[in-house]
Amino acid sequence: MKGKFLLLLVLSIVNYVGAQAQNCLGATMKVGNGFDMNSYDGKGKLSGTISYKIIKVVTEGDMSVMTMEMEVFNPKGKSELKNSYQIKCNGTTMMVDASTLINQEQMKSFENFKMKFTSTDIEYPVKLTVGEKLKDASLKGTGSSGPLNININMLISNRNVESQEKVTVPAGDFDAFKIISDMKMETKMGIGMTIDINTVSWRAPGVLWDVKSESYRKGKLIGRTELAKIY
């Protein structure tokens, strides 16, 4: 169960990206807009599609707050996972609460533990620059059920803008920034388990989603995503 939880968490992180309500990172967003991502396994086989849709936009102080609905479909088009989460943008930075990466199905596995999460946001600035180092992000969760305790720790670090290059995906051609990062995920429920993942993602100006991402473990490609459609 712990291994499955960590794998789902990795996929959520890799496929995650933000969007804003009225204007964020140079893109104007509104209710009903969204994105579709294709997911592939390490051998290049389609493993599913992830659909993201904006369902609510509000203003809180100097922040635009957007609620996104995410739905995961298997290769046959059957819905398997659903989740919703918020993304904030203040005009210069997009912020995603790392705790929103835990979807409802994952949380059900720990519902008896009364989990409590604390996190530091995953941030992207309006303008990326080659050589720029982005802030770390983290998520910590603790819970207990009787004498059994559980601890979850996730750290996204070494987030660096490595280069700028042309990327072609089903949604089109993009002049994108290549960003590398490291992710460490640890769970401890009696016996501890740790997974280290290296990620590469490509982000284009005016596009709020990663146009492409790749995940590696011990140097081996374990999965990738590509932007299939913007609507």
C-alpha atoms as a PDB file:
ATOM      1  CA  MET A   1       0.000   0.000   0.000  1.00  0.00           C
ATOM      2  CA  LYS A   2       2.798   2.403   0.886  1.00  0.00           C
ATOM      3  CA  GLY A   3       4.542   1.769  -2.431  1.00  0.00           C
ATOM      4  CA  LYS A   4       1.327   2.411  -4.387  1.00  0.00           C
ATOM      5  CA  PHE A   5       0.696   5.589  -2.411  1.00  0.00           C
ATOM      6  CA  LEU A   6       4.188   6.912  -3.182  1.00  0.00           C
ATOM      7  CA  LEU A   7       3.875   6.084  -6.891  1.00  0.00           C
ATOM      8  CA  LEU A   8       0.547   7.914  -7.132  1.00  0.00           C
ATOM      9  CA  LEU A   9       2.060  10.840  -5.281  1.00  0.00           C
ATOM     10  CA  VAL A  10       4.989  10.948  -7.729  1.00  0.00           C
ATOM     11  CA  LEU A  11       2.620  11.023 -10.695  1.00  0.00           C
ATOM     12  CA  SER A  12       0.560  13.757  -9.088  1.00  0.00           C
ATOM     13  CA  ILE A  13       3.670  15.848  -8.532  1.00  0.00           C
ATOM     14  CA  VAL A  14       5.115  15.283 -11.973  1.00  0.00           C
ATOM     15  CA  ASN A  15       1.827  16.101 -13.653  1.00  0.00           C
ATOM     16  CA  TYR A  16       1.055  18.970 -11.498  1.00  0.00           C
ATOM     17  CA  VAL A  17       1.138  22.664 -12.623  1.00  0.00           C
ATOM     18  CA  GLY A  18      -0.815  25.707 -11.840  1.00  0.00           C
ATOM     19  CA  ALA A  19      -3.142  28.106 -13.417  1.00  0.00           C
ATOM     20  CA  GLN A  20      -4.744  31.316 -12.393  1.00  0.00           C
ATOM     21  CA  ALA A  21      -8.135  32.836 -12.599  1.00  0.00           C
ATOM     22  CA  GLN A  22      -8.057  36.157 -14.397  1.00  0.00           C
ATOM     23  CA  ASN A  23      -4.400  36.558 -15.297  1.00  0.00           C
ATOM     24  CA  CYS A  24      -1.379  34.611 -14.156  1.00  0.00           C
ATOM     25  CA  LEU A  25       2.035  34.160 -15.713  1.00  0.00           C
ATOM     26  CA  GLY A  26       0.823  36.037 -18.782  1.00  0.00           C
ATOM     27  CA  ALA A  27      -2.214  33.826 -19.420  1.00  0.00           C
ATOM     28  CA  THR A  28      -5.832  34.847 -18.989  1.00  0.00           C
ATOM     29  CA  MET A  29      -7.944  32.113 -17.444  1.00  0.00           C
ATOM     30  CA  LYS A  30     -11.661  31.670 -16.833  1.00  0.00           C
ATOM     31  CA  VAL A  31     -14.110  29.057 -15.628  1.00  0.00           C
ATOM     32  CA  GLY A  32     -14.428  26.263 -18.157  1.00  0.00           C
ATOM     33  CA  ASN A  33     -10.887  26.561 -19.511  1.00  0.00           C
ATOM     34  CA  GLY A  34      -8.524  23.676 -19.044  1.00  0.00           C
ATOM     35  CA  PHE A  35      -5.814  21.327 -20.273  1.00  0.00           C
ATOM     36  CA  ASP A  36      -5.405  17.663 -21.166  1.00  0.00           C
ATOM     37  CA  MET A  37      -2.167  15.767 -20.504  1.00  0.00           C
ATOM     38  CA  ASN A  38      -1.153  12.386 -21.938  1.00  0.00           C
ATOM     39  CA  SER A  39       0.831  10.112 -19.611  1.00  0.00           C
ATOM     40  CA  TYR A  40       3.259   7.433 -20.810  1.00  0.00           C
ATOM     41  CA  ASP A  41       5.215   4.745 -19.001  1.00  0.00           C
ATOM     42  CA  GLY A  42       8.970   4.332 -19.242  1.00  0.00           C
ATOM     43  CA  LYS A  43       8.646   2.316 -22.447  1.00  0.00           C
ATOM     44  CA  GLY A  44       6.558   4.972 -24.183  1.00  0.00           C
ATOM     45  CA  LYS A  45       3.197   3.207 -23.844  1.00  0.00           C
ATOM     46  CA  LEU A  46       0.168   5.409 -23.139  1.00  0.00           C
ATOM     47  CA  SER A  47      -0.814   4.874 -19.517  1.00  0.00           C
ATOM     48  CA  GLY A  48      -3.648   7.390 -19.302  1.00  0.00           C
ATOM     49  CA  THR A  49      -4.921  10.929 -19.741  1.00  0.00           C
ATOM     50  CA  ILE A  50      -5.255  13.632 -17.107  1.00  0.00           C
ATOM     51  CA  SER A  51      -7.871  16.344 -17.609  1.00  0.00           C
ATOM     52  CA  TYR A  52      -7.682  19.631 -15.682  1.00  0.00           C
ATOM     53  CA  LYS A  53     -10.578  22.101 -15.680  1.00  0.00           C
ATOM     54  CA  ILE A  54     -11.067  25.494 -13.984  1.00  0.00           C
ATOM     55  CA  ILE A  55     -14.295  25.365 -11.975  1.00  0.00           C
ATOM     56  CA  LYS A  56     -14.016  28.513  -9.844  1.00  0.00           C
ATOM     57  CA  VAL A  57     -12.167  31.842  -9.809  1.00  0.00           C
ATOM     58  CA  VAL A  58     -12.174  34.362  -6.944  1.00  0.00           C
ATOM     59  CA  THR A  59     -10.073  37.279  -5.693  1.00  0.00           C
ATOM     60  CA  GLU A  60      -8.671  37.303  -2.157  1.00  0.00           C
ATOM     61  CA  GLY A  61      -6.761  40.503  -1.415  1.00  0.00           C
ATOM     62  CA  ASP A  62      -3.978  40.760  -3.994  1.00  0.00           C
ATOM     63  CA  MET A  63      -4.323  37.080  -4.872  1.00  0.00           C
ATOM     64  CA  SER A  64      -6.296  35.465  -7.668  1.00  0.00           C
ATOM     65  CA  VAL A  65      -7.415  32.052  -6.454  1.00  0.00           C
ATOM     66  CA  MET A  66      -8.451  29.378  -8.893  1.00  0.00           C
ATOM     67  CA  THR A  67     -10.002  26.011  -8.094  1.00  0.00           C
ATOM     68  CA  MET A  68      -8.940  23.264 -10.483  1.00  0.00           C
ATOM     69  CA  GLU A  69     -10.708  19.954 -10.968  1.00  0.00           C
ATOM     70  CA  MET A  70      -8.489  17.029 -11.987  1.00  0.00           C
ATOM     71  CA  GLU A  71      -9.694  13.725 -13.412  1.00  0.00           C
ATOM     72  CA  VAL A  72      -7.502  10.776 -14.407  1.00  0.00           C
ATOM     73  CA  PHE A  73      -8.599   8.383 -17.157  1.00  0.00           C
ATOM     74  CA  ASN A  74      -7.066   5.023 -18.045  1.00  0.00           C
ATOM     75  CA  PRO A  75      -6.082   4.214 -21.662  1.00  0.00           C
ATOM     76  CA  LYS A  76      -9.628   2.953 -22.315  1.00  0.00           C
ATOM     77  CA  GLY A  77     -11.138   6.265 -21.217  1.00  0.00           C
ATOM     78  CA  LYS A  78     -12.487   5.067 -17.867  1.00  0.00           C
ATOM     79  CA  SER A  79     -12.296   7.568 -15.007  1.00  0.00           C
ATOM     80  CA  GLU A  80     -10.081   6.324 -12.168  1.00  0.00           C
ATOM     81  CA  LEU A  81      -9.233   9.288  -9.948  1.00  0.00           C
ATOM     82  CA  LYS A  82     -10.777  12.681  -9.188  1.00  0.00           C
ATOM     83  CA  ASN A  83      -9.502  15.594  -7.140  1.00  0.00           C
ATOM     84  CA  SER A  84      -9.819  19.350  -6.805  1.00  0.00           C
ATOM     85  CA  TYR A  85      -7.339  21.887  -5.458  1.00  0.00           C
ATOM     86  CA  GLN A  86      -6.525  25.598  -5.383  1.00  0.00           C
ATOM     87  CA  ILE A  87      -3.795  27.620  -7.040  1.00  0.00           C
ATOM     88  CA  LYS A  88      -2.918  31.215  -6.176  1.00  0.00           C
ATOM     89  CA  CYS A  89      -1.286  33.947  -8.224  1.00  0.00           C
ATOM     90  CA  ASN A  90      -0.325  37.480  -7.181  1.00  0.00           C
ATOM     91  CA  GLY A  91       0.791  38.714 -10.593  1.00  0.00           C
ATOM     92  CA  THR A  92       4.463  37.888 -10.091  1.00  0.00           C
ATOM     93  CA  THR A  93       4.366  34.351  -8.710  1.00  0.00           C
ATOM     94  CA  MET A  94       2.174  31.270  -9.042  1.00  0.00           C
ATOM     95  CA  MET A  95       1.797  29.209  -5.849  1.00  0.00           C
ATOM     96  CA  VAL A  96       0.463  25.701  -5.298  1.00  0.00           C
ATOM     97  CA  ASP A  97       0.003  24.269  -1.800  1.00  0.00           C
ATOM     98  CA  ALA A  98       1.948  21.001  -1.839  1.00  0.00           C
ATOM     99  CA  SER A  99      -0.713  19.344   0.316  1.00  0.00           C
ATOM    100  CA  THR A 100      -3.142  19.563  -2.620  1.00  0.00           C
ATOM    101  CA  LEU A 101      -1.020  16.928  -4.380  1.00  0.00           C
ATOM    102  CA  ILE A 102      -2.597  14.301  -2.136  1.00  0.00           C
ATOM    103  CA  ASN A 103      -5.752  13.213  -3.939  1.00  0.00           C
ATOM    104  CA  GLN A 104      -8.937  11.962  -2.319  1.00  0.00           C
ATOM    105  CA  GLU A 105      -8.313   8.301  -3.177  1.00  0.00           C
ATOM    106  CA  GLN A 106      -4.884   8.429  -1.554  1.00  0.00           C
ATOM    107  CA  MET A 107      -6.306  10.064   1.540  1.00  0.00           C
ATOM    108  CA  LYS A 108      -8.861   7.260   1.909  1.00  0.00           C
ATOM    109  CA  SER A 109      -5.977   4.883   2.581  1.00  0.00           C
ATOM    110  CA  PHE A 110      -5.130   6.955   5.654  1.00  0.00           C
ATOM    111  CA  GLU A 111      -8.585   8.097   6.773  1.00  0.00           C
ATOM    112  CA  ASN A 112      -8.266   6.253  10.079  1.00  0.00           C
ATOM    113  CA  PHE A 113      -5.018   8.084  10.871  1.00  0.00           C
ATOM    114  CA  LYS A 114      -6.536  11.603  11.071  1.00  0.00           C
ATOM    115  CA  MET A 115      -3.727  13.058   8.980  1.00  0.00           C
ATOM    116  CA  LYS A 116      -2.457  16.602   9.449  1.00  0.00           C
ATOM    117  CA  PHE A 117      -0.333  18.253   6.731  1.00  0.00           C
ATOM    118  CA  THR A 118       1.979  21.254   6.639  1.00  0.00           C
ATOM    119  CA  SER A 119       3.714  22.467   3.508  1.00  0.00           C
ATOM    120  CA  THR A 120       5.694  25.142   1.745  1.00  0.00           C
ATOM    121  CA  ASP A 121       4.319  26.206  -1.628  1.00  0.00           C
ATOM    122  CA  ILE A 122       5.599  25.098  -5.007  1.00  0.00           C
ATOM    123  CA  GLU A 123       6.334  28.401  -6.745  1.00  0.00           C
ATOM    124  CA  TYR A 124       6.977  29.624 -10.289  1.00  0.00           C
ATOM    125  CA  PRO A 125       7.847  33.251 -11.128  1.00  0.00           C
ATOM    126  CA  VAL A 126       6.243  35.115 -14.019  1.00  0.00           C
ATOM    127  CA  LYS A 127       9.516  35.167 -15.958  1.00  0.00           C
ATOM    128  CA  LEU A 128      12.022  32.343 -15.953  1.00  0.00           C
ATOM    129  CA  THR A 129      15.728  32.886 -16.643  1.00  0.00           C
ATOM    130  CA  VAL A 130      18.322  30.307 -17.658  1.00  0.00           C
ATOM    131  CA  GLY A 131      20.569  29.649 -14.652  1.00  0.00           C
ATOM    132  CA  GLU A 132      17.881  30.678 -12.157  1.00  0.00           C
ATOM    133  CA  LYS A 133      17.440  28.603  -8.997  1.00  0.00           C
ATOM    134  CA  LEU A 134      13.830  28.167  -7.873  1.00  0.00           C
ATOM    135  CA  LYS A 135      12.674  27.753  -4.275  1.00  0.00           C
ATOM    136  CA  ASP A 136      12.441  24.358  -2.629  1.00  0.00           C
ATOM    137  CA  ALA A 137       9.016  23.003  -1.685  1.00  0.00           C
ATOM    138  CA  SER A 138       8.003  20.473   0.933  1.00  0.00           C
ATOM    139  CA  LEU A 139       5.133  18.518   2.421  1.00  0.00           C
ATOM    140  CA  LYS A 140       4.945  16.841   5.827  1.00  0.00           C
ATOM    141  CA  GLY A 141       2.113  14.737   7.141  1.00  0.00           C
ATOM    142  CA  THR A 142       1.585  12.993  10.475  1.00  0.00           C
ATOM    143  CA  GLY A 143      -1.196  10.816  11.804  1.00  0.00           C
ATOM    144  CA  SER A 144      -2.015   8.005  14.189  1.00  0.00           C
ATOM    145  CA  SER A 145      -4.512   5.227  14.666  1.00  0.00           C
ATOM    146  CA  GLY A 146      -4.303   3.679  18.103  1.00  0.00           C
ATOM    147  CA  PRO A 147      -0.673   2.646  18.719  1.00  0.00           C
ATOM    148  CA  LEU A 148       0.218   2.929  15.007  1.00  0.00           C
ATOM    149  CA  ASN A 149       1.769   6.175  13.766  1.00  0.00           C
ATOM    150  CA  ILE A 150       2.501   7.324  10.231  1.00  0.00           C
ATOM    151  CA  ASN A 151       4.820  10.042   8.944  1.00  0.00           C
ATOM    152  CA  ILE A 152       5.046  11.299   5.361  1.00  0.00           C
ATOM    153  CA  ASN A 153       7.788  13.650   4.179  1.00  0.00           C
ATOM    154  CA  MET A 154       8.327  15.042   0.701  1.00  0.00           C
ATOM    155  CA  LEU A 155      11.039  17.447  -0.424  1.00  0.00           C
ATOM    156  CA  ILE A 156      11.350  19.005  -3.882  1.00  0.00           C
ATOM    157  CA  SER A 157      14.821  20.520  -4.136  1.00  0.00           C
ATOM    158  CA  ASN A 158      17.578  21.580  -6.543  1.00  0.00           C
ATOM    159  CA  ARG A 159      15.019  23.234  -8.821  1.00  0.00           C
ATOM    160  CA  ASN A 160      17.148  24.833 -11.515  1.00  0.00           C
ATOM    161  CA  VAL A 161      16.323  26.428 -14.873  1.00  0.00           C
ATOM    162  CA  GLU A 162      18.871  24.638 -17.021  1.00  0.00           C
ATOM    163  CA  SER A 163      18.246  25.866 -20.589  1.00  0.00           C
ATOM    164  CA  GLN A 164      15.736  27.137 -23.140  1.00  0.00           C
ATOM    165  CA  GLU A 165      14.846  24.973 -26.122  1.00  0.00           C
ATOM    166  CA  LYS A 166      12.201  24.046 -28.684  1.00  0.00           C
ATOM    167  CA  VAL A 167       9.718  21.380 -27.623  1.00  0.00           C
ATOM    168  CA  THR A 168       7.118  19.634 -29.789  1.00  0.00           C
ATOM    169  CA  VAL A 169       4.126  17.924 -28.154  1.00  0.00           C
ATOM    170  CA  PRO A 170       0.590  17.042 -29.367  1.00  0.00           C
ATOM    171  CA  ALA A 171      -0.615  20.524 -28.349  1.00  0.00           C
ATOM    172  CA  GLY A 172       1.955  22.204 -30.638  1.00  0.00           C
ATOM    173  CA  ASP A 173       5.461  23.647 -30.767  1.00  0.00           C
ATOM    174  CA  PHE A 174       6.776  25.660 -27.828  1.00  0.00           C
ATOM    175  CA  ASP A 175       9.879  27.674 -26.957  1.00  0.00           C
ATOM    176  CA  ALA A 176      10.235  26.313 -23.432  1.00  0.00           C
ATOM    177  CA  PHE A 177      12.481  26.498 -20.378  1.00  0.00           C
ATOM    178  CA  LYS A 178      13.958  23.205 -19.182  1.00  0.00           C
ATOM    179  CA  ILE A 179      13.776  22.805 -15.390  1.00  0.00           C
ATOM    180  CA  ILE A 180      15.443  20.008 -13.428  1.00  0.00           C
ATOM    181  CA  SER A 181      14.690  19.048  -9.822  1.00  0.00           C
ATOM    182  CA  ASP A 182      15.044  16.277  -7.248  1.00  0.00           C
ATOM    183  CA  MET A 183      12.224  14.758  -5.227  1.00  0.00           C
ATOM    184  CA  LYS A 184      12.594  12.658  -2.102  1.00  0.00           C
ATOM    185  CA  MET A 185       9.543  10.966  -0.622  1.00  0.00           C
ATOM    186  CA  GLU A 186       9.619   9.130   2.671  1.00  0.00           C
ATOM    187  CA  THR A 187       6.894   7.235   4.509  1.00  0.00           C
ATOM    188  CA  LYS A 188       7.291   5.630   7.896  1.00  0.00           C
ATOM    189  CA  MET A 189       4.607   3.343   9.244  1.00  0.00           C
ATOM    190  CA  GLY A 190       6.529   0.830  11.275  1.00  0.00           C
ATOM    191  CA  ILE A 191       9.102   0.223   8.537  1.00  0.00           C
ATOM    192  CA  GLY A 192      10.282   3.264   6.553  1.00  0.00           C
ATOM    193  CA  MET A 193      10.321   3.555   2.768  1.00  0.00           C
ATOM    194  CA  THR A 194      12.125   6.167   0.631  1.00  0.00           C
ATOM    195  CA  ILE A 195      11.847   6.936  -3.069  1.00  0.00           C
ATOM    196  CA  ASP A 196      14.198   9.332  -4.885  1.00  0.00           C
ATOM    197  CA  ILE A 197      13.049  10.755  -8.219  1.00  0.00           C
ATOM    198  CA  ASN A 198      14.807  13.090 -10.652  1.00  0.00           C
ATOM    199  CA  THR A 199      12.471  15.170 -12.814  1.00  0.00           C
ATOM    200  CA  VAL A 200      12.839  17.242 -15.950  1.00  0.00           C
ATOM    201  CA  SER A 201      10.045  19.569 -17.026  1.00  0.00           C
ATOM    202  CA  TRP A 202       9.565  22.111 -19.796  1.00  0.00           C
ATOM    203  CA  ARG A 203       7.551  25.294 -19.280  1.00  0.00           C
ATOM    204  CA  ALA A 204       6.636  27.873 -21.922  1.00  0.00           C
ATOM    205  CA  PRO A 205       5.783  31.577 -21.413  1.00  0.00           C
ATOM    206  CA  GLY A 206       2.039  32.150 -21.335  1.00  0.00           C
ATOM    207  CA  VAL A 207       1.291  28.472 -20.720  1.00  0.00           C
ATOM    208  CA  LEU A 208       0.438  27.573 -17.152  1.00  0.00           C
ATOM    209  CA  TRP A 209       0.969  23.848 -17.469  1.00  0.00           C
ATOM    210  CA  ASP A 210       4.183  21.949 -18.026  1.00  0.00           C
ATOM    211  CA  VAL A 211       4.222  21.278 -21.767  1.00  0.00           C
ATOM    212  CA  LYS A 212       6.296  18.168 -21.090  1.00  0.00           C
ATOM    213  CA  SER A 213       7.814  16.333 -18.125  1.00  0.00           C
ATOM    214  CA  GLU A 214       9.967  13.266 -17.524  1.00  0.00           C
ATOM    215  CA  SER A 215      10.657  11.278 -14.348  1.00  0.00           C
ATOM    216  CA  TYR A 216      13.737   9.173 -13.672  1.00  0.00           C
ATOM    217  CA  ARG A 217      14.696   6.768 -10.913  1.00  0.00           C
ATOM    218  CA  LYS A 218      18.316   5.658 -10.648  1.00  0.00           C
ATOM    219  CA  GLY A 219      18.893   7.115 -14.100  1.00  0.00           C
ATOM    220  CA  LYS A 220      16.080   5.129 -15.734  1.00  0.00           C
ATOM    221  CA  LEU A 221      13.051   6.800 -17.313  1.00  0.00           C
ATOM    222  CA  ILE A 222       9.922   5.685 -15.440  1.00  0.00           C
ATOM    223  CA  GLY A 223       7.333   7.955 -17.041  1.00  0.00           C
ATOM    224  CA  ARG A 224       6.600  11.123 -18.964  1.00  0.00           C
ATOM    225  CA  THR A 225       3.709  13.474 -19.701  1.00  0.00           C
ATOM    226  CA  GLU A 226       2.931  15.686 -22.690  1.00  0.00           C
ATOM    227  CA  LEU A 227       0.466  18.520 -23.119  1.00  0.00           C
ATOM    228  CA  ALA A 228      -2.200  17.202 -25.495  1.00  0.00           C
ATOM    229  CA  LYS A 229      -4.726  20.044 -25.633  1.00  0.00           C
ATOM    230  CA  ILE A 230      -5.459  23.514 -24.270  1.00  0.00           C
ATOM    231  CA  TYR A 231      -9.069  24.696 -24.254  1.00  0.00           C
END
